[in-house]
Protein backbone atom coordinates (compact mmCIF):
# COMPACT_ATOMS: atom_id res chain seq x y z
CA UNK A 1 99.25 -5.28 127.53
CA UNK A 2 98.81 -7.27 124.31
CA UNK A 3 99.98 -10.57 125.80
CA UNK A 4 97.94 -10.09 128.98
CA UNK A 5 94.59 -9.37 127.35
CA UNK A 6 94.99 -11.66 124.33
CA UNK A 7 96.02 -14.65 126.49
CA UNK A 8 93.73 -14.16 129.48
CA UNK A 9 91.30 -16.96 130.28
CA UNK A 10 88.64 -14.48 131.40
CA UNK A 11 88.68 -10.68 131.39
CA UNK A 12 86.37 -8.85 133.80
CA UNK A 13 85.32 -5.39 132.58
CA UNK A 14 83.90 -2.65 134.79
CA UNK A 15 81.94 -1.23 131.87
CA UNK A 16 79.83 1.03 134.09
CA UNK A 17 82.79 2.69 135.83
CA UNK A 18 83.57 6.30 134.91
CA UNK A 19 87.09 6.07 136.32
CA UNK A 20 89.46 3.69 138.10
CA UNK A 21 88.04 4.54 141.54
CA UNK A 22 84.62 3.06 140.77
CA UNK A 23 84.11 -0.66 141.21
CA UNK A 24 82.25 -3.35 139.35
CA UNK A 25 78.93 -3.20 141.11
CA UNK A 26 76.05 -0.75 140.93
CA UNK A 27 72.61 -0.61 142.47
CA UNK A 28 69.94 -1.50 139.95
CA UNK A 29 66.20 -1.70 140.14
CA UNK A 30 64.84 -5.15 139.37
CA UNK A 31 62.81 -5.30 136.18
CA UNK A 32 59.05 -5.68 136.43
CA UNK A 33 58.16 -8.97 134.82
CA UNK A 34 54.69 -9.80 133.52
CA UNK A 35 53.56 -13.42 133.46
CA UNK A 36 51.33 -14.74 130.68
CA UNK A 37 50.22 -18.07 129.28
CA UNK A 38 52.21 -19.27 126.29
CA UNK A 39 51.48 -22.03 123.80
CA UNK A 40 53.26 -22.99 120.60
CA UNK A 41 52.48 -26.40 119.12
CA UNK A 42 52.98 -28.96 121.86
CA UNK A 43 54.88 -26.47 124.00
CA UNK A 44 52.82 -24.62 126.61
CA UNK A 45 53.25 -22.98 129.97
CA UNK A 46 53.90 -19.62 131.55
CA UNK A 47 56.27 -17.04 130.04
CA UNK A 48 57.66 -13.87 131.59
CA UNK A 49 58.17 -10.60 129.71
CA UNK A 50 59.41 -7.12 130.49
CA UNK A 51 59.71 -3.82 128.64
CA UNK A 52 62.86 -2.97 126.69
CA UNK A 53 64.11 0.53 125.94
CA UNK A 54 63.31 1.49 122.37
CA UNK A 55 66.96 1.30 121.25
CA UNK A 56 67.12 -2.30 122.46
CA UNK A 57 63.85 -3.18 120.73
CA UNK A 58 65.11 -1.89 117.39
CA UNK A 59 68.16 -4.14 117.22
CA UNK A 60 70.57 -6.36 119.08
CA UNK A 61 73.69 -4.40 118.16
CA UNK A 62 73.12 -1.87 120.95
CA UNK A 63 73.28 -4.71 123.46
CA UNK A 64 76.64 -5.88 122.17
CA UNK A 65 78.30 -2.48 121.65
CA UNK A 66 77.12 -1.12 125.04
CA UNK A 67 77.13 2.51 123.80
CA UNK A 68 75.80 3.96 127.07
CA UNK A 69 78.55 2.49 129.23
CA UNK A 70 81.44 4.82 130.18
CA UNK A 71 84.09 2.25 129.27
CA UNK A 72 82.78 2.14 125.69
CA UNK A 73 83.78 5.79 125.33
CA UNK A 74 87.45 5.28 126.19
CA UNK A 75 90.16 4.83 123.57
CA UNK A 76 92.38 2.35 125.42
CA UNK A 77 89.36 0.20 126.28
CA UNK A 78 88.73 -0.79 122.66
CA UNK A 79 91.60 -3.25 122.43
CA UNK A 80 90.83 -4.37 125.98
CA UNK A 81 87.45 -5.48 124.59
CA UNK A 82 88.69 -6.85 121.26
CA UNK A 83 91.73 -8.85 122.44
CA UNK A 84 90.32 -11.24 125.14
CA UNK A 85 88.68 -14.50 124.15
CA UNK A 86 86.13 -14.27 126.99
CA UNK A 87 84.83 -11.19 128.79
CA UNK A 88 82.43 -10.69 131.69
CA UNK A 89 80.98 -7.18 131.46
CA UNK A 90 79.49 -5.40 134.47
CA UNK A 91 77.18 -2.68 133.12
CA UNK A 92 74.83 -0.21 134.79
CA UNK A 93 71.89 -2.60 134.59
CA UNK A 94 73.20 -6.16 134.41
CA UNK A 95 76.05 -8.50 133.62
CA UNK A 96 76.87 -9.75 130.13
CA UNK A 97 79.17 -12.54 129.05
CA UNK A 98 80.71 -12.90 125.61
CA UNK A 99 82.90 -15.56 124.03
CA UNK A 100 83.29 -17.27 120.67
CA UNK A 101 79.89 -18.93 121.16
CA UNK A 102 78.06 -15.61 121.37
CA UNK A 103 76.72 -12.97 123.75
CA UNK A 104 74.56 -13.63 126.83
CA UNK A 105 72.78 -11.35 129.30
CA UNK A 106 71.16 -11.72 132.70
CA UNK A 107 67.87 -10.61 131.16
CA UNK A 108 67.79 -13.64 128.88
CA UNK A 109 69.53 -12.08 125.89
CA UNK A 110 70.98 -14.84 123.71
CA UNK A 111 72.91 -13.87 120.58
CA UNK A 112 75.08 -16.13 118.45
CA UNK A 113 77.55 -13.33 117.73
CA UNK A 114 79.55 -10.87 119.81
CA UNK A 115 81.52 -7.63 119.62
CA UNK A 116 84.30 -7.67 117.03
CA UNK A 117 87.14 -9.84 118.34
CA UNK A 118 90.57 -10.85 117.06
CA UNK A 119 89.93 -14.49 117.98
CA UNK A 120 87.07 -14.60 115.44
CA UNK A 121 89.08 -13.11 112.57
CA UNK A 122 90.99 -15.07 109.92
CA UNK A 123 94.64 -15.66 110.70
CA UNK A 124 95.65 -14.48 107.23
CA UNK A 125 97.50 -17.73 106.51
CA UNK A 126 94.81 -19.31 104.34
CA UNK A 127 95.42 -19.53 100.63
CA UNK A 128 94.51 -16.26 98.96
CA UNK A 129 91.67 -16.38 96.45
CA UNK A 130 92.03 -15.00 92.95
CA UNK A 131 89.87 -11.99 92.00
CA UNK A 132 86.69 -12.93 90.15
CA UNK A 133 85.63 -11.67 86.72
CA UNK A 134 84.50 -8.39 88.24
CA UNK A 135 87.91 -7.82 89.78
CA UNK A 136 86.64 -8.46 93.30
CA UNK A 137 88.26 -10.80 95.78
CA UNK A 138 85.97 -13.60 96.89
CA UNK A 139 86.37 -14.56 100.54
CA UNK A 140 90.01 -13.50 100.58
CA UNK A 141 91.02 -13.77 104.26
CA UNK A 142 93.43 -10.85 103.99
CA UNK A 143 90.81 -8.66 102.34
CA UNK A 144 88.54 -9.50 105.26
CA UNK A 145 91.29 -8.54 107.72
CA UNK A 146 91.88 -5.18 106.06
CA UNK A 147 88.14 -4.51 106.24
CA UNK A 148 88.14 -5.51 109.92
CA UNK A 149 90.92 -2.99 110.56
CA UNK A 150 88.91 -0.24 108.86
CA UNK A 151 85.86 -1.19 110.93
CA UNK A 152 87.86 -1.03 114.16
CA UNK A 153 89.14 2.44 113.27
CA UNK A 154 85.53 3.54 112.72
CA UNK A 155 84.73 2.40 116.27
CA UNK A 156 87.97 3.77 117.71
CA UNK A 157 87.90 7.20 116.06
CA UNK A 158 85.42 9.03 118.33
CA UNK A 159 86.64 7.49 121.60
CA UNK A 160 88.29 9.74 124.16
CA UNK A 161 91.90 9.74 125.32
CA UNK A 162 93.25 11.48 128.42
CA UNK A 163 96.51 12.07 126.52
CA UNK A 164 96.02 13.06 122.89
CA UNK A 165 99.44 11.60 122.09
CA UNK A 166 98.08 8.10 122.86
CA UNK A 167 96.15 7.91 119.58
CA UNK A 168 98.51 5.32 118.08
CA UNK A 169 99.76 3.64 121.30
CA UNK A 170 96.18 2.90 122.41
CA UNK A 171 95.69 0.52 119.48
CA UNK A 172 99.29 -0.68 119.20
CA UNK A 173 98.36 -4.15 120.47
CA UNK A 174 95.76 -4.56 117.75
CA UNK A 175 98.17 -3.20 115.14
CA UNK A 176 100.76 -5.79 116.16
CA UNK A 177 98.32 -8.66 115.69
CA UNK A 178 97.09 -7.37 112.34
CA UNK A 179 100.66 -6.84 111.10
CA UNK A 180 101.48 -10.47 111.89
CA UNK A 181 98.35 -11.88 110.28
CA UNK A 182 98.53 -9.64 107.21
CA UNK A 183 102.30 -10.02 106.87
CA UNK A 184 102.24 -6.31 106.07
CA UNK A 185 104.17 -3.24 107.18
CA UNK A 186 102.37 -0.87 109.54
CA UNK A 187 102.80 2.81 108.65
CA UNK A 188 101.23 5.32 111.08
CA UNK A 189 97.85 3.55 111.19
CA UNK A 190 97.94 2.44 107.54
CA UNK A 191 99.32 -0.60 105.68
CA UNK A 192 102.09 -0.63 103.11
CA UNK A 193 100.35 -2.88 100.57
CA UNK A 194 97.15 -0.79 100.78
CA UNK A 195 98.82 2.57 101.24
CA UNK A 196 97.23 4.41 98.31
CA UNK A 197 93.81 3.22 99.42
CA UNK A 198 94.65 4.10 103.02
CA UNK A 199 95.64 7.66 102.12
CA UNK A 200 92.09 8.22 100.90
CA UNK A 201 90.48 8.24 104.35
CA UNK A 202 87.50 10.54 104.79
CA UNK A 203 87.15 12.60 107.94
CA UNK A 204 83.77 12.29 109.63
CA UNK A 205 83.04 14.64 112.53
CA UNK A 206 86.77 15.30 112.77
CA UNK A 207 89.16 18.03 113.78
CA UNK A 208 92.92 18.16 113.45
CA UNK A 209 94.79 18.21 116.77
CA UNK A 210 96.97 21.20 117.62
CA UNK A 211 100.06 19.31 118.81
CA UNK A 212 101.90 17.09 116.32
CA UNK A 213 100.79 13.48 116.56
CA UNK A 214 101.09 12.10 113.04
CA UNK A 215 101.73 13.33 109.48
CA UNK A 216 98.80 15.07 107.81
CA UNK A 217 98.33 12.10 105.44
CA UNK A 218 97.48 9.75 108.34
CA UNK A 219 94.05 9.56 109.96
CA UNK A 220 95.88 9.59 113.31
CA UNK A 221 96.48 13.33 112.86
CA UNK A 222 92.75 13.86 113.45
CA UNK A 223 90.27 13.37 116.28
CA UNK A 224 87.07 11.82 114.98
CA UNK A 225 85.92 9.00 112.73
CA UNK A 226 88.13 8.03 109.78
CA UNK A 227 86.19 6.42 106.95
CA UNK A 228 88.50 3.98 105.15
CA UNK A 229 88.21 1.40 102.44
CA UNK A 230 87.33 1.44 98.74
CA UNK A 231 84.71 -1.23 98.07
CA UNK A 232 84.61 -0.97 94.26
CA UNK A 233 87.39 -2.38 92.04
CA UNK A 234 90.10 0.16 91.35
CA UNK A 235 93.31 0.76 89.45
CA UNK A 236 96.27 2.52 91.03
CA UNK A 237 97.15 5.78 89.28
CA UNK A 238 99.81 7.04 91.69
CA UNK A 239 103.00 5.37 92.83
CA UNK A 240 104.59 5.43 96.29
CA UNK A 241 108.33 6.02 95.91
CA UNK A 242 109.44 6.16 99.53
CA UNK A 243 108.10 6.38 103.08
CA UNK A 244 110.11 7.50 106.08
CA UNK A 245 108.69 7.59 109.61
CA UNK A 246 110.60 8.64 112.74
CA UNK A 247 109.47 6.89 115.92
CA UNK A 248 109.41 8.55 119.33
CA UNK A 249 110.47 5.33 121.04
CA UNK A 250 111.17 1.72 120.11
CA UNK A 251 107.56 0.67 119.56
CA UNK A 252 106.99 0.54 115.79
CA UNK A 253 103.24 0.71 116.47
CA UNK A 254 103.49 3.67 118.86
CA UNK A 255 104.11 7.41 118.77
CA UNK A 256 105.87 9.08 115.85
CA UNK A 257 107.69 12.41 115.60
CA UNK A 258 107.58 12.82 111.81
CA UNK A 259 106.51 11.09 108.62
CA UNK A 260 107.39 11.82 105.00
CA UNK A 261 105.93 10.14 101.95
CA UNK A 262 107.32 10.61 98.42
CA UNK A 263 104.64 10.00 95.84
CA UNK A 264 104.36 10.29 92.06
CA UNK A 265 100.87 11.16 90.86
CA UNK A 266 98.88 13.42 88.52
CA UNK A 267 98.06 16.81 90.07
CA UNK A 268 95.02 18.88 89.10
CA UNK A 269 94.95 22.56 90.06
CA UNK A 270 91.92 23.44 92.20
CA UNK A 271 90.18 26.76 92.75
CA UNK A 272 87.93 28.11 95.48
CA UNK A 273 84.56 29.32 94.20
CA UNK A 274 83.17 31.17 97.22
CA UNK A 275 81.47 34.21 95.68
CA UNK A 276 77.93 33.18 96.72
CA UNK A 277 78.94 30.71 99.42
CA UNK A 278 77.46 30.84 102.94
CA UNK A 279 78.99 28.30 105.38
CA UNK A 280 76.39 29.06 108.05
CA UNK A 281 73.47 27.66 106.02
CA UNK A 282 71.80 24.56 107.50
CA UNK A 283 72.53 21.21 105.94
CA UNK A 284 74.79 18.20 106.08
CA UNK A 285 78.33 18.78 107.28
CA UNK A 286 79.93 18.54 103.86
CA UNK A 287 77.65 21.37 102.63
CA UNK A 288 79.75 23.68 104.80
CA UNK A 289 82.80 22.89 102.69
CA UNK A 290 84.08 25.80 100.62
CA UNK A 291 83.05 25.13 96.99
CA UNK A 292 85.98 23.84 94.94
CA UNK A 293 86.28 23.45 91.18
CA UNK A 294 88.86 22.55 88.59
CA UNK A 295 89.68 24.57 85.47
CA UNK A 296 86.81 22.69 83.78
CA UNK A 297 83.64 24.14 85.32
CA UNK A 298 81.17 21.39 84.42
CA UNK A 299 81.63 18.69 87.05
CA UNK A 300 79.86 16.35 89.42
CA UNK A 301 82.93 16.08 91.62
CA UNK A 302 82.96 16.52 95.38
CA UNK A 303 85.70 17.82 97.63
CA UNK A 304 85.67 17.59 101.42
CA UNK A 305 88.18 19.42 103.57
CA UNK A 306 89.40 17.70 106.72
CA UNK A 307 86.78 18.98 109.11
CA UNK A 308 83.19 18.12 109.90
CA UNK A 309 83.16 19.04 113.58
CA UNK A 310 80.50 21.09 115.35
CA UNK A 311 82.45 24.25 114.57
CA UNK A 312 82.47 23.49 110.83
CA UNK A 313 81.34 26.96 109.62
CA UNK A 314 84.16 28.66 111.51
CA UNK A 315 86.68 26.07 110.31
CA UNK A 316 85.49 26.52 106.73
CA UNK A 317 86.06 30.26 106.95
CA UNK A 318 89.56 29.66 108.36
CA UNK A 319 90.38 27.41 105.41
CA UNK A 320 89.25 30.01 102.89
CA UNK A 321 91.37 32.65 104.59
CA UNK A 322 94.41 30.34 104.79
CA UNK A 323 94.21 29.59 101.05
CA UNK A 324 94.00 33.19 99.89
CA UNK A 325 96.66 33.73 97.24
CA UNK A 326 97.87 30.11 97.44
CA UNK A 327 97.71 27.17 95.08
CA UNK A 328 96.22 23.84 96.06
CA UNK A 329 95.75 20.64 94.11
CA UNK A 330 94.00 17.31 93.78
CA UNK A 331 96.60 14.55 94.00
CA UNK A 332 94.99 11.72 92.03
CA UNK A 333 95.61 8.28 93.53
CA UNK A 334 93.06 5.76 92.22
CA UNK A 335 90.76 5.19 89.26
CA UNK A 336 87.64 3.56 90.70
CA UNK A 337 85.25 1.54 88.54
CA UNK A 338 81.76 2.56 89.63
CA UNK A 339 78.70 0.78 88.14
CA UNK A 340 77.93 3.56 85.65
CA UNK A 341 81.20 5.43 85.29
CA UNK A 342 84.81 5.75 86.30
CA UNK A 343 85.74 8.24 89.00
CA UNK A 344 89.09 9.29 90.34
CA UNK A 345 89.78 9.42 94.07
CA UNK A 346 92.21 12.07 95.24
CA UNK A 347 93.53 13.91 98.25
CA UNK A 348 93.65 17.69 98.32
CA UNK A 349 97.10 19.06 99.10
CA UNK A 350 98.93 22.36 99.35
CA UNK A 351 102.51 23.41 99.91
CA UNK A 352 103.59 23.80 103.51
CA UNK A 353 104.10 27.48 104.24
CA UNK A 354 107.69 28.41 103.52
CA UNK A 355 108.66 25.00 102.16
CA UNK A 356 108.61 22.66 99.18
CA UNK A 357 106.78 19.80 100.92
CA UNK A 358 103.02 19.34 100.81
CA UNK A 359 100.37 18.67 103.43
CA UNK A 360 96.94 17.12 103.15
CA UNK A 361 93.84 19.34 103.15
CA UNK A 362 91.10 16.83 102.43
CA UNK A 363 89.60 14.23 100.13
CA UNK A 364 87.79 14.32 96.80
CA UNK A 365 86.00 12.45 94.03
CA UNK A 366 86.74 13.69 90.52
CA UNK A 367 84.90 12.76 87.33
CA UNK A 368 86.19 12.94 83.78
CA UNK A 369 84.48 16.28 83.13
CA UNK A 370 86.45 17.81 85.98
CA UNK A 371 89.76 16.47 84.70
CA UNK A 372 89.23 17.33 81.07
CA UNK A 373 91.36 14.36 80.00
CA UNK A 374 92.11 10.89 81.25
CA UNK A 375 95.46 10.42 83.06
CA UNK A 376 97.69 8.27 80.87
CA UNK A 377 98.99 5.48 83.08
CA UNK A 378 101.56 4.62 80.44
CA UNK A 379 103.13 8.02 81.14
CA UNK A 380 103.32 7.43 84.90
CA UNK A 381 107.04 8.22 84.93
CA UNK A 382 106.21 11.76 83.82
CA UNK A 383 103.81 12.48 86.69
CA UNK A 384 104.99 15.05 89.27
CA UNK A 385 106.84 13.82 92.35
CA UNK A 386 106.05 15.50 95.68
CA UNK A 387 106.69 14.85 99.37
CA UNK A 388 103.74 14.71 101.77
CA UNK A 389 104.27 15.48 105.45
């Protein structure tokens, strides 16, 4: 699939088709054009105009992303859109054409950019730039590629799959290209050289799938949008000791049957504080999260469990019940240099029932007041070692 789509001269997409039995063409009503006199400097004549839906008037991105087309809702179709160098898109209303020169529509749409595409990304072979005085990388092609990967996962996350087990296979072609350009090892949707950062994904409108698809520390274990990437400069607090992934087949970018990650990091005991908590109250999704605190009560920290689906109140209650009488922790991975303060980014973990290994519960920001003391990086060898599954 990778070689076919990436090397095609022209890919024709039936964007309006709900399934394979529907064709390219659809009956559309011609737009009602209004003619008016136009003059600008020495240019004059007649111009034609027509009404646009409000979402099209507010920005060009809705043209390019085609959110109302059935094909834009399918998981496998993402790499089918991102891999080709040229695509002719048959939508419900008109045809569009996109290539490296831009995006064009039958209605006169002319844009000098297109949907995200691997042919427009850096090849990763350019000389890497040194971080500037603020610790940020300036125009580093690999940094741009990592950010492109995170952006693609944001688009891919909510798309539908007929087979839930296709979560990793459906982007395996993209993963292969990124692995080559980054010269990095692919680990269940994450990258070896950015693994600590990758473990800190945030679940947005997500739910964990019932059948095993990936280890709990990978975004691929969830359905929904994974938010990845730490934009501010950071210092690694934790240390990855070993990663072991068992593949279902021979495709290193495809399905997995298990994944274990040995990590050495500070662990802060967490406590539920649900005495006056009501998960059914209206508000943003993260407000449904069971309140969590450390042993130091005064804190501006935030902890989000891995759910923000429509059934969040019920899921929150399940989490509280599942944690009754059990210990859970913040596994501290990064020290992030915010403009006004330093915060620590962590994943919430608990022991797997009946075992010594740990599984991910969620994500959190922790400030110094919550920790009580600053983790001593010089004493990294004394941090606890656990295995995440």
